[in-house]
């Protein structure tokens, strides 16, 4: 007799990570870049970049700077997209 496994619980994504990922995706698409081409420009693997855009990875500052520079914007300009986050505690 087979036993059933308990359902896998997924941790809720932090709103700040989701907002960061959405901002990256929006700017990347506006430049007409695929995740693969953009990942190459940043030195970040395409599959990892997909996780960033989905808010699944809490990035090191070095990778954040690589991403922002590859987007061709100043960090202050990029982060102004995130000024209206409702809650950074999550």
PDB file of N, CA and C in Angstrom:
ATOM      1  N   UNK A   1       0.841  -1.174   0.000  1.00  0.00           N
ATOM      2  CA  UNK A   1       0.000   0.000   0.000  1.00  0.00           C
ATOM      3  C   UNK A   1       0.890   1.242   0.000  1.00  0.00           C
ATOM      4  N   UNK A   2       0.599   2.151  -0.907  1.00  0.00           N
ATOM      5  CA  UNK A   2       1.386   3.377  -1.039  1.00  0.00           C
ATOM      6  C   UNK A   2       0.942   4.397  -0.009  1.00  0.00           C
ATOM      7  N   UNK A   3       1.908   5.089   0.516  1.00  0.00           N
ATOM      8  CA  UNK A   3       1.569   6.167   1.443  1.00  0.00           C
ATOM      9  C   UNK A   3       1.677   7.485   0.702  1.00  0.00           C
ATOM     10  N   UNK A   4       0.843   8.404   1.075  1.00  0.00           N
ATOM     11  CA  UNK A   4       0.899   9.710   0.414  1.00  0.00           C
ATOM     12  C   UNK A   4       1.846  10.626   1.178  1.00  0.00           C
ATOM     13  N   UNK A   5       2.537  11.428   0.436  1.00  0.00           N
ATOM     14  CA  UNK A   5       3.459  12.390   1.029  1.00  0.00           C
ATOM     15  C   UNK A   5       2.688  13.628   1.442  1.00  0.00           C
ATOM     16  N   UNK A   6       3.144  14.276   2.502  1.00  0.00           N
ATOM     17  CA  UNK A   6       2.484  15.529   2.880  1.00  0.00           C
ATOM     18  C   UNK A   6       2.714  16.568   1.793  1.00  0.00           C
ATOM     19  N   UNK A   7       1.791  17.496   1.637  1.00  0.00           N
ATOM     20  CA  UNK A   7       1.973  18.523   0.606  1.00  0.00           C
ATOM     21  C   UNK A   7       3.212  19.364   0.898  1.00  0.00           C
ATOM     22  N   UNK A   8       3.872  19.756  -0.154  1.00  0.00           N
ATOM     23  CA  UNK A   8       5.058  20.603  -0.015  1.00  0.00           C
ATOM     24  C   UNK A   8       4.602  22.029   0.267  1.00  0.00           C
ATOM     25  N   UNK A   9       5.124  22.577   1.342  1.00  0.00           N
ATOM     26  CA  UNK A   9       4.781  23.954   1.694  1.00  0.00           C
ATOM     27  C   UNK A   9       5.808  24.885   1.065  1.00  0.00           C
ATOM     28  N   UNK A  10       5.319  25.888   0.386  1.00  0.00           N
ATOM     29  CA  UNK A  10       6.228  26.873  -0.189  1.00  0.00           C
ATOM     30  C   UNK A  10       6.215  28.130   0.667  1.00  0.00           C
ATOM     31  N   UNK A  11       7.379  28.667   0.850  1.00  0.00           N
ATOM     32  CA  UNK A  11       7.521  29.889   1.639  1.00  0.00           C
ATOM     33  C   UNK A  11       7.022  31.065   0.806  1.00  0.00           C
ATOM     34  N   UNK A  12       6.218  31.948   1.396  1.00  0.00           N
ATOM     35  CA  UNK A  12       5.764  33.127   0.644  1.00  0.00           C
ATOM     36  C   UNK A  12       6.961  33.981   0.225  1.00  0.00           C
ATOM     37  N   UNK A  13       6.859  34.557  -0.945  1.00  0.00           N
ATOM     38  CA  UNK A  13       7.939  35.402  -1.451  1.00  0.00           C
ATOM     39  C   UNK A  13       7.900  36.770  -0.773  1.00  0.00           C
ATOM     40  N   UNK A  14       9.069  37.281  -0.472  1.00  0.00           N
ATOM     41  CA  UNK A  14       9.170  38.607   0.142  1.00  0.00           C
ATOM     42  C   UNK A  14       8.752  39.667  -0.876  1.00  0.00           C
ATOM     43  N   UNK A  15       7.870  40.584  -0.490  1.00  0.00           N
ATOM     44  CA  UNK A  15       7.408  41.623  -1.420  1.00  0.00           C
ATOM     45  C   UNK A  15       8.546  42.421  -2.055  1.00  0.00           C
ATOM     46  N   UNK A  16       9.598  42.684  -1.310  1.00  0.00           N
ATOM     47  CA  UNK A  16      10.720  43.454  -1.861  1.00  0.00           C
ATOM     48  C   UNK A  16      11.416  42.683  -2.978  1.00  0.00           C
ATOM     49  N   UNK A  17      11.558  41.362  -2.815  1.00  0.00           N
ATOM     50  CA  UNK A  17      12.204  40.553  -3.850  1.00  0.00           C
ATOM     51  C   UNK A  17      11.336  40.458  -5.094  1.00  0.00           C
ATOM     52  N   UNK A  18      10.031  40.331  -4.891  1.00  0.00           N
ATOM     53  CA  UNK A  18       9.101  40.280  -6.024  1.00  0.00           C
ATOM     54  C   UNK A  18       9.134  41.607  -6.779  1.00  0.00           C
ATOM     55  N   UNK A  19       9.099  42.714  -6.048  1.00  0.00           N
ATOM     56  CA  UNK A  19       9.120  44.040  -6.684  1.00  0.00           C
ATOM     57  C   UNK A  19      10.430  44.257  -7.436  1.00  0.00           C
ATOM     58  N   UNK A  20      11.547  43.838  -6.845  1.00  0.00           N
ATOM     59  CA  UNK A  20      12.839  43.962  -7.520  1.00  0.00           C
ATOM     60  C   UNK A  20      12.825  43.161  -8.819  1.00  0.00           C
ATOM     61  N   UNK A  21      12.377  41.920  -8.742  1.00  0.00           N
ATOM     62  CA  UNK A  21      12.324  41.063  -9.920  1.00  0.00           C
ATOM     63  C   UNK A  21      11.430  41.612 -11.013  1.00  0.00           C
ATOM     64  N   UNK A  22      10.285  42.152 -10.620  1.00  0.00           N
ATOM     65  CA  UNK A  22       9.372  42.743 -11.606  1.00  0.00           C
ATOM     66  C   UNK A  22      10.003  43.961 -12.279  1.00  0.00           C
ATOM     67  N   UNK A  23      10.735  44.749 -11.501  1.00  0.00           N
ATOM     68  CA  UNK A  23      11.402  45.929 -12.070  1.00  0.00           C
ATOM     69  C   UNK A  23      12.499  45.509 -13.047  1.00  0.00           C
ATOM     70  N   UNK A  24      13.241  44.454 -12.704  1.00  0.00           N
ATOM     71  CA  UNK A  24      14.270  43.944 -13.612  1.00  0.00           C
ATOM     72  C   UNK A  24      13.620  43.456 -14.901  1.00  0.00           C
ATOM     73  N   UNK A  25      12.565  42.648 -14.775  1.00  0.00           N
ATOM     74  CA  UNK A  25      11.891  42.100 -15.958  1.00  0.00           C
ATOM     75  C   UNK A  25      11.349  43.218 -16.852  1.00  0.00           C
ATOM     76  N   UNK A  26      10.705  44.197 -16.232  1.00  0.00           N
ATOM     77  CA  UNK A  26      10.116  45.308 -16.991  1.00  0.00           C
ATOM     78  C   UNK A  26      11.192  46.055 -17.789  1.00  0.00           C
ATOM     79  N   UNK A  27      12.293  46.369 -17.152  1.00  0.00           N
ATOM     80  CA  UNK A  27      13.366  47.102 -17.828  1.00  0.00           C
ATOM     81  C   UNK A  27      14.072  46.226 -18.871  1.00  0.00           C
ATOM     82  N   UNK A  28      14.252  44.944 -18.575  1.00  0.00           N
ATOM     83  CA  UNK A  28      14.888  44.037 -19.537  1.00  0.00           C
ATOM     84  C   UNK A  28      14.042  43.922 -20.797  1.00  0.00           C
ATOM     85  N   UNK A  29      12.740  43.711 -20.618  1.00  0.00           N
ATOM     86  CA  UNK A  29      11.845  43.577 -21.772  1.00  0.00           C
ATOM     87  C   UNK A  29      11.767  44.879 -22.569  1.00  0.00           C
ATOM     88  N   UNK A  30      11.801  46.016 -21.876  1.00  0.00           N
ATOM     89  CA  UNK A  30      11.762  47.311 -22.562  1.00  0.00           C
ATOM     90  C   UNK A  30      12.974  47.473 -23.486  1.00  0.00           C
ATOM     91  N   UNK A  31      14.069  46.811 -23.141  1.00  0.00           N
ATOM     92  CA  UNK A  31      15.271  46.860 -23.971  1.00  0.00           C
ATOM     93  C   UNK A  31      15.281  45.756 -25.025  1.00  0.00           C
ATOM     94  N   UNK A  32      14.233  44.924 -25.035  1.00  0.00           N
ATOM     95  CA  UNK A  32      14.132  43.862 -26.031  1.00  0.00           C
ATOM     96  C   UNK A  32      15.095  42.709 -25.811  1.00  0.00           C
ATOM     97  N   UNK A  33      15.512  42.495 -24.567  1.00  0.00           N
ATOM     98  CA  UNK A  33      16.481  41.441 -24.264  1.00  0.00           C
ATOM     99  C   UNK A  33      15.796  40.192 -23.736  1.00  0.00           C
ATOM    100  N   UNK A  34      16.275  39.038 -24.163  1.00  0.00           N
ATOM    101  CA  UNK A  34      15.825  37.772 -23.588  1.00  0.00           C
ATOM    102  C   UNK A  34      16.505  37.599 -22.231  1.00  0.00           C
ATOM    103  N   UNK A  35      15.984  36.683 -21.413  1.00  0.00           N
ATOM    104  CA  UNK A  35      16.651  36.397 -20.143  1.00  0.00           C
ATOM    105  C   UNK A  35      18.069  35.901 -20.389  1.00  0.00           C
ATOM    106  N   UNK A  36      18.241  35.095 -21.425  1.00  0.00           N
ATOM    107  CA  UNK A  36      19.566  34.546 -21.712  1.00  0.00           C
ATOM    108  C   UNK A  36      20.548  35.647 -22.101  1.00  0.00           C
ATOM    109  N   UNK A  37      20.146  36.527 -23.011  1.00  0.00           N
ATOM    110  CA  UNK A  37      21.029  37.618 -23.432  1.00  0.00           C
ATOM    111  C   UNK A  37      21.331  38.551 -22.264  1.00  0.00           C
ATOM    112  N   UNK A  38      20.312  38.832 -21.459  1.00  0.00           N
ATOM    113  CA  UNK A  38      20.519  39.714 -20.322  1.00  0.00           C
ATOM    114  C   UNK A  38      21.409  39.049 -19.277  1.00  0.00           C
ATOM    115  N   UNK A  39      21.161  37.766 -19.016  1.00  0.00           N
ATOM    116  CA  UNK A  39      22.011  37.028 -18.084  1.00  0.00           C
ATOM    117  C   UNK A  39      23.469  37.037 -18.523  1.00  0.00           C
ATOM    118  N   UNK A  40      23.691  36.856 -19.832  1.00  0.00           N
ATOM    119  CA  UNK A  40      25.060  36.911 -20.361  1.00  0.00           C
ATOM    120  C   UNK A  40      25.686  38.284 -20.109  1.00  0.00           C
ATOM    121  N   UNK A  41      24.903  39.338 -20.306  1.00  0.00           N
ATOM    122  CA  UNK A  41      25.410  40.700 -20.091  1.00  0.00           C
ATOM    123  C   UNK A  41      25.774  40.940 -18.627  1.00  0.00           C
ATOM    124  N   UNK A  42      25.052  40.272 -17.722  1.00  0.00           N
ATOM    125  CA  UNK A  42      25.287  40.431 -16.280  1.00  0.00           C
ATOM    126  C   UNK A  42      26.303  39.440 -15.735  1.00  0.00           C
ATOM    127  N   UNK A  43      26.541  38.359 -16.480  1.00  0.00           N
ATOM    128  CA  UNK A  43      27.366  37.281 -15.946  1.00  0.00           C
ATOM    129  C   UNK A  43      26.584  36.404 -14.989  1.00  0.00           C
ATOM    130  N   UNK A  44      25.264  36.308 -15.205  1.00  0.00           N
ATOM    131  CA  UNK A  44      24.375  35.517 -14.352  1.00  0.00           C
ATOM    132  C   UNK A  44      23.650  34.504 -15.232  1.00  0.00           C
ATOM    133  N   UNK A  45      23.587  33.252 -14.782  1.00  0.00           N
ATOM    134  CA  UNK A  45      22.930  32.190 -15.540  1.00  0.00           C
ATOM    135  C   UNK A  45      21.461  32.513 -15.812  1.00  0.00           C
ATOM    136  N   UNK A  46      20.973  32.133 -16.999  1.00  0.00           N
ATOM    137  CA  UNK A  46      19.599  32.417 -17.413  1.00  0.00           C
ATOM    138  C   UNK A  46      18.580  31.860 -16.427  1.00  0.00           C
ATOM    139  N   UNK A  47      18.773  30.635 -15.962  1.00  0.00           N
ATOM    140  CA  UNK A  47      17.783  30.057 -15.050  1.00  0.00           C
ATOM    141  C   UNK A  47      17.779  30.792 -13.706  1.00  0.00           C
ATOM    142  N   UNK A  48      18.945  31.225 -13.248  1.00  0.00           N
ATOM    143  CA  UNK A  48      19.014  32.006 -12.017  1.00  0.00           C
ATOM    144  C   UNK A  48      18.351  33.367 -12.223  1.00  0.00           C
ATOM    145  N   UNK A  49      18.548  33.945 -13.402  1.00  0.00           N
ATOM    146  CA  UNK A  49      17.916  35.229 -13.725  1.00  0.00           C
ATOM    147  C   UNK A  49      16.400  35.089 -13.688  1.00  0.00           C
ATOM    148  N   UNK A  50      15.876  33.970 -14.187  1.00  0.00           N
ATOM    149  CA  UNK A  50      14.435  33.734 -14.120  1.00  0.00           C
ATOM    150  C   UNK A  50      13.944  33.719 -12.684  1.00  0.00           C
ATOM    151  N   UNK A  51      14.710  33.101 -11.797  1.00  0.00           N
ATOM    152  CA  UNK A  51      14.356  33.087 -10.380  1.00  0.00           C
ATOM    153  C   UNK A  51      14.397  34.473  -9.762  1.00  0.00           C
ATOM    154  N   UNK A  52      15.350  35.282 -10.185  1.00  0.00           N
ATOM    155  CA  UNK A  52      15.426  36.670  -9.710  1.00  0.00           C
ATOM    156  C   UNK A  52      14.160  37.409 -10.114  1.00  0.00           C
ATOM    157  N   UNK A  53      13.780  37.254 -11.378  1.00  0.00           N
ATOM    158  CA  UNK A  53      12.602  37.967 -11.881  1.00  0.00           C
ATOM    159  C   UNK A  53      11.309  37.482 -11.229  1.00  0.00           C
ATOM    160  N   UNK A  54      11.306  36.266 -10.718  1.00  0.00           N
ATOM    161  CA  UNK A  54      10.126  35.743 -10.013  1.00  0.00           C
ATOM    162  C   UNK A  54      10.172  36.039  -8.516  1.00  0.00           C
ATOM    163  N   UNK A  55      11.225  36.704  -8.050  1.00  0.00           N
ATOM    164  CA  UNK A  55      11.340  37.047  -6.634  1.00  0.00           C
ATOM    165  C   UNK A  55      11.740  35.880  -5.763  1.00  0.00           C
ATOM    166  N   UNK A  56      12.448  34.909  -6.327  1.00  0.00           N
ATOM    167  CA  UNK A  56      12.815  33.696  -5.601  1.00  0.00           C
ATOM    168  C   UNK A  56      14.210  33.752  -4.987  1.00  0.00           C
ATOM    169  N   UNK A  57      15.001  34.753  -5.332  1.00  0.00           N
ATOM    170  CA  UNK A  57      16.385  34.821  -4.848  1.00  0.00           C
ATOM    171  C   UNK A  57      16.644  36.143  -4.139  1.00  0.00           C
ATOM    172  N   UNK A  58      17.273  36.037  -2.975  1.00  0.00           N
ATOM    173  CA  UNK A  58      17.713  37.213  -2.237  1.00  0.00           C
ATOM    174  C   UNK A  58      19.165  37.451  -2.638  1.00  0.00           C
ATOM    175  N   UNK A  59      19.389  38.471  -3.428  1.00  0.00           N
ATOM    176  CA  UNK A  59      20.678  38.671  -4.080  1.00  0.00           C
ATOM    177  C   UNK A  59      21.714  39.359  -3.212  1.00  0.00           C
ATOM    178  N   UNK A  60      22.964  39.039  -3.506  1.00  0.00           N
ATOM    179  CA  UNK A  60      24.085  39.776  -2.933  1.00  0.00           C
ATOM    180  C   UNK A  60      24.183  41.126  -3.644  1.00  0.00           C
ATOM    181  N   UNK A  61      24.708  42.097  -2.951  1.00  0.00           N
ATOM    182  CA  UNK A  61      24.841  43.444  -3.511  1.00  0.00           C
ATOM    183  C   UNK A  61      25.631  43.438  -4.820  1.00  0.00           C
ATOM    184  N   UNK A  62      26.647  42.611  -4.910  1.00  0.00           N
ATOM    185  CA  UNK A  62      27.457  42.542  -6.131  1.00  0.00           C
ATOM    186  C   UNK A  62      26.579  42.189  -7.327  1.00  0.00           C
ATOM    187  N   UNK A  63      25.682  41.216  -7.173  1.00  0.00           N
ATOM    188  CA  UNK A  63      24.804  40.829  -8.278  1.00  0.00           C
ATOM    189  C   UNK A  63      23.772  41.904  -8.591  1.00  0.00           C
ATOM    190  N   UNK A  64      23.298  42.596  -7.581  1.00  0.00           N
ATOM    191  CA  UNK A  64      22.356  43.696  -7.817  1.00  0.00           C
ATOM    192  C   UNK A  64      23.031  44.768  -8.674  1.00  0.00           C
ATOM    193  N   UNK A  65      24.261  45.114  -8.336  1.00  0.00           N
ATOM    194  CA  UNK A  65      24.990  46.133  -9.098  1.00  0.00           C
ATOM    195  C   UNK A  65      25.245  45.658 -10.524  1.00  0.00           C
ATOM    196  N   UNK A  66      25.598  44.389 -10.709  1.00  0.00           N
ATOM    197  CA  UNK A  66      25.790  43.846 -12.063  1.00  0.00           C
ATOM    198  C   UNK A  66      24.518  44.006 -12.893  1.00  0.00           C
ATOM    199  N   UNK A  67      23.384  43.685 -12.288  1.00  0.00           N
ATOM    200  CA  UNK A  67      22.097  43.767 -12.994  1.00  0.00           C
ATOM    201  C   UNK A  67      21.782  45.209 -13.364  1.00  0.00           C
ATOM    202  N   UNK A  68      21.910  46.109 -12.404  1.00  0.00           N
ATOM    203  CA  UNK A  68      21.589  47.516 -12.645  1.00  0.00           C
ATOM    204  C   UNK A  68      22.503  48.093 -13.730  1.00  0.00           C
ATOM    205  N   UNK A  69      23.778  47.784 -13.674  1.00  0.00           N
ATOM    206  CA  UNK A  69      24.708  48.288 -14.699  1.00  0.00           C
ATOM    207  C   UNK A  69      24.381  47.708 -16.067  1.00  0.00           C
ATOM    208  N   UNK A  70      24.019  46.427 -16.127  1.00  0.00           N
ATOM    209  CA  UNK A  70      23.658  45.815 -17.410  1.00  0.00           C
ATOM    210  C   UNK A  70      22.395  46.444 -17.990  1.00  0.00           C
ATOM    211  N   UNK A  71      21.533  46.973 -17.120  1.00  0.00           N
ATOM    212  CA  UNK A  71      20.334  47.676 -17.585  1.00  0.00           C
ATOM    213  C   UNK A  71      20.663  49.086 -18.071  1.00  0.00           C
ATOM    214  N   UNK A  72      21.873  49.549 -17.771  1.00  0.00           N
ATOM    215  CA  UNK A  72      22.303  50.862 -18.244  1.00  0.00           C
ATOM    216  C   UNK A  72      21.707  52.024 -17.481  1.00  0.00           C
ATOM    217  N   UNK A  73      21.391  51.801 -16.211  1.00  0.00           N
ATOM    218  CA  UNK A  73      20.836  52.882 -15.392  1.00  0.00           C
ATOM    219  C   UNK A  73      21.672  53.038 -14.126  1.00  0.00           C
ATOM    220  N   UNK A  74      21.537  54.189 -13.498  1.00  0.00           N
ATOM    221  CA  UNK A  74      22.184  54.412 -12.214  1.00  0.00           C
ATOM    222  C   UNK A  74      21.395  53.658 -11.145  1.00  0.00           C
ATOM    223  N   UNK A  75      22.074  53.149 -10.111  1.00  0.00           N
ATOM    224  CA  UNK A  75      21.345  52.468  -9.042  1.00  0.00           C
ATOM    225  C   UNK A  75      20.228  53.326  -8.448  1.00  0.00           C
ATOM    226  N   UNK A  76      20.479  54.616  -8.262  1.00  0.00           N
ATOM    227  CA  UNK A  76      19.440  55.484  -7.685  1.00  0.00           C
ATOM    228  C   UNK A  76      18.216  55.557  -8.588  1.00  0.00           C
ATOM    229  N   UNK A  77      18.436  55.562  -9.896  1.00  0.00           N
ATOM    230  CA  UNK A  77      17.307  55.584 -10.836  1.00  0.00           C
ATOM    231  C   UNK A  77      16.541  54.266 -10.781  1.00  0.00           C
ATOM    232  N   UNK A  78      17.274  53.153 -10.775  1.00  0.00           N
ATOM    233  CA  UNK A  78      16.610  51.850 -10.736  1.00  0.00           C
ATOM    234  C   UNK A  78      15.778  51.714  -9.464  1.00  0.00           C
ATOM    235  N   UNK A  79      16.368  52.057  -8.327  1.00  0.00           N
ATOM    236  CA  UNK A  79      15.666  51.845  -7.066  1.00  0.00           C
ATOM    237  C   UNK A  79      14.532  52.829  -6.837  1.00  0.00           C
ATOM    238  N   UNK A  80      14.483  53.906  -7.608  1.00  0.00           N
ATOM    239  CA  UNK A  80      13.322  54.797  -7.490  1.00  0.00           C
ATOM    240  C   UNK A  80      12.053  54.066  -7.927  1.00  0.00           C
ATOM    241  N   UNK A  81      12.200  53.015  -8.764  1.00  0.00           N
ATOM    242  CA  UNK A  81      11.051  52.179  -9.144  1.00  0.00           C
ATOM    243  C   UNK A  81      10.455  51.469  -7.937  1.00  0.00           C
ATOM    244  N   UNK A  82      11.233  51.320  -6.879  1.00  0.00           N
ATOM    245  CA  UNK A  82      10.810  50.551  -5.711  1.00  0.00           C
ATOM    246  C   UNK A  82      10.429  51.434  -4.527  1.00  0.00           C
ATOM    247  N   UNK A  83      10.324  52.730  -4.754  1.00  0.00           N
ATOM    248  CA  UNK A  83      10.032  53.663  -3.664  1.00  0.00           C
ATOM    249  C   UNK A  83       8.711  53.399  -2.958  1.00  0.00           C
ATOM    250  N   UNK A  84       7.742  52.847  -3.645  1.00  0.00           N
ATOM    251  CA  UNK A  84       6.402  52.703  -3.074  1.00  0.00           C
ATOM    252  C   UNK A  84       6.099  51.307  -2.545  1.00  0.00           C
ATOM    253  N   UNK A  85       7.117  50.560  -2.153  1.00  0.00           N
ATOM    254  CA  UNK A  85       6.868  49.238  -1.584  1.00  0.00           C
ATOM    255  C   UNK A  85       6.070  49.385  -0.293  1.00  0.00           C
ATOM    256  N   UNK A  86       5.021  48.582  -0.128  1.00  0.00           N
ATOM    257  CA  UNK A  86       4.185  48.724   1.059  1.00  0.00           C
ATOM    258  C   UNK A  86       4.841  48.225   2.339  1.00  0.00           C
ATOM    259  N   UNK A  87       5.664  47.153   2.263  1.00  0.00           N
ATOM    260  CA  UNK A  87       6.187  46.548   3.482  1.00  0.00           C
ATOM    261  C   UNK A  87       7.512  45.869   3.182  1.00  0.00           C
ATOM    262  N   UNK A  88       8.561  46.323   3.799  1.00  0.00           N
ATOM    263  CA  UNK A  88       9.867  45.718   3.586  1.00  0.00           C
ATOM    264  C   UNK A  88      10.233  44.717   4.668  1.00  0.00           C
ATOM    265  N   UNK A  89       9.366  44.499   5.641  1.00  0.00           N
ATOM    266  CA  UNK A  89       9.667  43.572   6.724  1.00  0.00           C
ATOM    267  C   UNK A  89       9.581  42.119   6.293  1.00  0.00           C
ATOM    268  N   UNK A  90       8.844  41.842   5.231  1.00  0.00           N
ATOM    269  CA  UNK A  90       8.637  40.445   4.823  1.00  0.00           C
ATOM    270  C   UNK A  90       9.822  39.939   4.050  1.00  0.00           C
TER     271      UNK A  90
END
